Protein backbone atom coordinates (compact mmCIF):
# COMPACT_ATOMS: atom_id res chain seq x y z
CA MET A 1 81.01 -4.39 -18.57
CA ALA A 2 77.41 -4.10 -19.71
CA LEU A 3 74.80 -2.09 -17.88
CA ASP A 4 71.56 -3.72 -16.86
CA HIS A 5 68.73 -1.90 -18.66
CA THR A 6 65.88 -4.10 -17.46
CA PRO A 7 62.99 -2.06 -16.10
CA HIS A 8 62.51 -2.16 -12.32
CA PRO A 9 59.06 -2.03 -10.81
CA ALA A 10 58.08 1.44 -9.68
CA LEU A 11 57.68 2.14 -6.00
CA ARG A 12 54.23 3.17 -4.91
CA LEU A 13 52.57 4.21 -1.67
CA VAL A 14 50.21 1.75 -0.05
CA ALA A 15 47.41 2.79 2.26
CA ASN A 16 47.44 1.73 5.91
CA ASN A 17 44.82 -1.02 6.09
CA ARG A 18 44.87 -1.39 9.90
CA PRO A 19 41.73 -0.29 11.71
CA ALA A 20 42.10 2.94 13.68
CA ALA A 21 41.27 1.20 17.00
CA ARG A 22 44.05 -1.34 16.53
CA THR A 23 46.53 1.40 15.61
CA ALA A 24 45.59 3.37 18.75
CA THR A 25 46.00 0.25 20.91
CA LEU A 26 49.43 -0.46 19.43
CA ASP A 27 50.48 3.16 19.88
CA ALA A 28 49.34 3.15 23.52
CA ALA A 29 51.24 -0.09 24.17
CA ALA A 30 54.37 1.34 22.54
CA ASP A 31 54.07 4.46 24.71
CA ARG A 32 53.73 2.36 27.89
CA ILE A 33 56.77 0.29 26.91
CA ALA A 34 58.82 3.42 26.17
CA ARG A 35 57.87 4.97 29.54
CA GLU A 36 58.72 1.74 31.37
CA ASN A 37 62.08 1.49 29.62
CA ALA A 38 62.88 5.09 30.49
CA SER A 39 61.97 4.63 34.15
CA ALA A 40 63.94 1.39 34.37
CA ALA A 41 66.97 3.08 32.86
CA ALA A 42 66.88 6.04 35.26
CA LEU A 43 69.53 6.07 37.95
CA THR A 44 68.54 6.35 41.57
CA PRO A 45 70.73 8.14 44.12
CA HIS A 46 71.56 4.69 45.54
CA ASP A 47 72.74 3.25 42.22
CA ALA A 48 76.38 2.13 42.41
CA ARG A 49 77.16 3.68 39.02
CA TRP A 50 75.85 7.07 40.17
CA ILE A 51 77.61 6.89 43.54
CA PHE A 52 80.89 6.08 41.82
CA ALA A 53 80.42 8.91 39.29
CA VAL A 54 79.87 11.41 42.11
CA ARG A 55 82.99 10.16 43.90
CA VAL A 56 85.01 10.44 40.68
CA ARG A 57 83.82 14.01 40.13
CA ASP A 58 84.78 14.92 43.70
CA ALA A 59 88.24 13.35 43.25
CA LEU A 60 89.11 15.23 40.05
CA GLU A 61 91.68 18.02 40.32
CA GLY A 62 92.75 20.84 38.06
CA GLY A 63 89.37 22.31 37.15
CA PRO A 64 88.67 21.86 33.42
CA ALA A 65 91.75 19.63 33.06
CA ALA A 66 89.96 16.97 35.16
CA ILE A 67 93.12 15.24 36.37
CA LEU A 68 92.88 12.12 38.49
CA SER A 69 96.06 11.39 40.43
CA PRO A 70 97.22 7.75 40.68
CA ASP A 71 96.61 7.52 44.44
CA ARG A 72 93.07 8.88 44.10
CA ARG A 73 92.41 6.52 41.17
CA GLU A 74 93.60 3.59 43.28
CA ARG A 75 91.22 4.55 46.10
CA LEU A 76 88.38 4.90 43.58
CA VAL A 77 89.15 1.51 42.06
CA ARG A 78 88.99 -0.11 45.51
CA LEU A 79 85.64 1.58 46.14
CA ALA A 80 84.24 0.50 42.79
CA THR A 81 85.29 -3.09 43.41
CA ARG A 82 83.60 -3.06 46.82
CA ILE A 83 80.33 -1.82 45.34
CA GLY A 84 80.37 -4.49 42.62
CA LEU A 85 81.54 -2.67 39.48
CA ARG A 86 83.71 -4.49 36.96
CA PRO A 87 87.16 -2.99 36.19
CA PHE A 88 86.05 -2.08 32.65
CA ASP A 89 82.96 -0.30 33.96
CA GLU A 90 85.01 1.55 36.58
CA ASN A 91 87.30 3.00 33.92
CA LEU A 92 84.37 3.80 31.65
CA ILE A 93 82.65 5.79 34.39
CA VAL A 94 85.89 7.68 35.08
CA ALA A 95 86.14 8.52 31.36
CA ILE A 96 82.50 9.67 31.19
CA VAL A 97 82.89 11.98 34.19
CA GLN A 98 86.23 13.35 32.99
CA ASP A 99 84.74 14.04 29.55
CA SER A 100 81.83 15.88 31.15
CA VAL A 101 84.11 18.08 33.28
CA ARG A 102 86.49 18.72 30.39
CA SER A 103 83.51 19.80 28.29
CA GLY A 104 82.75 22.51 30.82
CA ARG A 105 79.98 20.82 32.80
CA GLN A 106 80.98 20.60 36.46
CA ASP A 107 77.73 18.99 37.54
CA LEU A 108 76.63 15.49 36.64
CA GLY A 109 73.70 16.34 34.42
CA HIS A 110 71.26 14.48 32.26
CA ALA A 111 73.83 13.64 29.57
CA VAL A 112 76.10 11.93 32.10
CA GLU A 113 73.13 10.08 33.59
CA GLN A 114 72.11 8.81 30.16
CA ARG A 115 75.64 7.55 29.49
CA LEU A 116 75.79 5.85 32.89
CA THR A 117 72.58 3.94 32.19
CA LEU A 118 74.35 2.28 29.26
CA ILE A 119 76.78 0.64 31.69
CA ARG A 120 75.74 -2.69 33.09
CA PRO A 121 74.55 -2.46 36.71
CA PRO A 122 76.86 -4.15 39.20
CA GLN A 123 76.35 -7.80 39.98
CA LEU A 124 76.78 -8.06 43.71
CA HIS A 125 78.09 -11.40 44.84
CA ARG A 126 77.17 -12.57 48.27
CA PRO A 127 80.08 -14.72 49.48
CA ALA A 128 79.32 -13.72 53.07
CA ALA A 129 75.79 -15.09 52.79
CA ARG A 130 77.13 -18.39 51.48
CA SER A 131 79.67 -18.57 54.28
CA ILE A 132 77.04 -17.85 56.92
CA THR A 133 74.73 -20.50 55.46
CA LEU A 134 77.54 -23.04 55.45
CA ALA A 135 78.43 -22.18 59.06
CA ILE A 136 74.81 -22.62 60.16
CA VAL A 137 74.50 -25.98 58.40
CA LEU A 138 77.78 -27.23 59.90
CA GLY A 139 76.74 -25.95 63.35
CA LEU A 140 73.42 -27.76 63.15
CA GLY A 141 75.20 -30.92 62.05
CA LEU A 142 77.62 -30.73 64.98
CA LEU A 143 74.73 -30.06 67.36
CA ALA A 144 72.90 -33.12 66.08
CA MET A 145 76.03 -35.24 66.55
CA LEU A 146 76.47 -33.89 70.09
CA ILE A 147 72.86 -34.67 70.99
CA ALA A 148 73.19 -38.18 69.53
CA TRP A 149 76.41 -38.74 71.52
CA VAL A 150 74.87 -37.52 74.79
CA LEU A 151 71.69 -39.56 74.36
CA GLY A 152 73.42 -42.63 72.96
């Protein structure tokens, strides 16, 4: 097997040819975008992921062992389903909180919050709203038929 001895072009530094004003504008835009992304990723106290994480922490037993009994896990799973979390996300949040407690952090700090923001927010379905809308439409239809029958 022969080695390739052809010369390769040398790397060299190239000066930044962008005007300073344009560079400052781009940097300011990048800073605004980074701040907006950080604020959008922050969890509020009303966020379902945060609420579930707090409930998981409160349900853990055994101190640093962070044990979650099957009956408590079942209750937590029912809660998570009601607030719109997917089963995968439920288990991921449990793992994040258990890891935090097992690492010696009893509180849900910044590291846990950062991990929770990586989980997709719940998609709340509104079957009740659809049912109510359908009931109203059917009720109006029946009312119109009743009025037509009485007047006709």
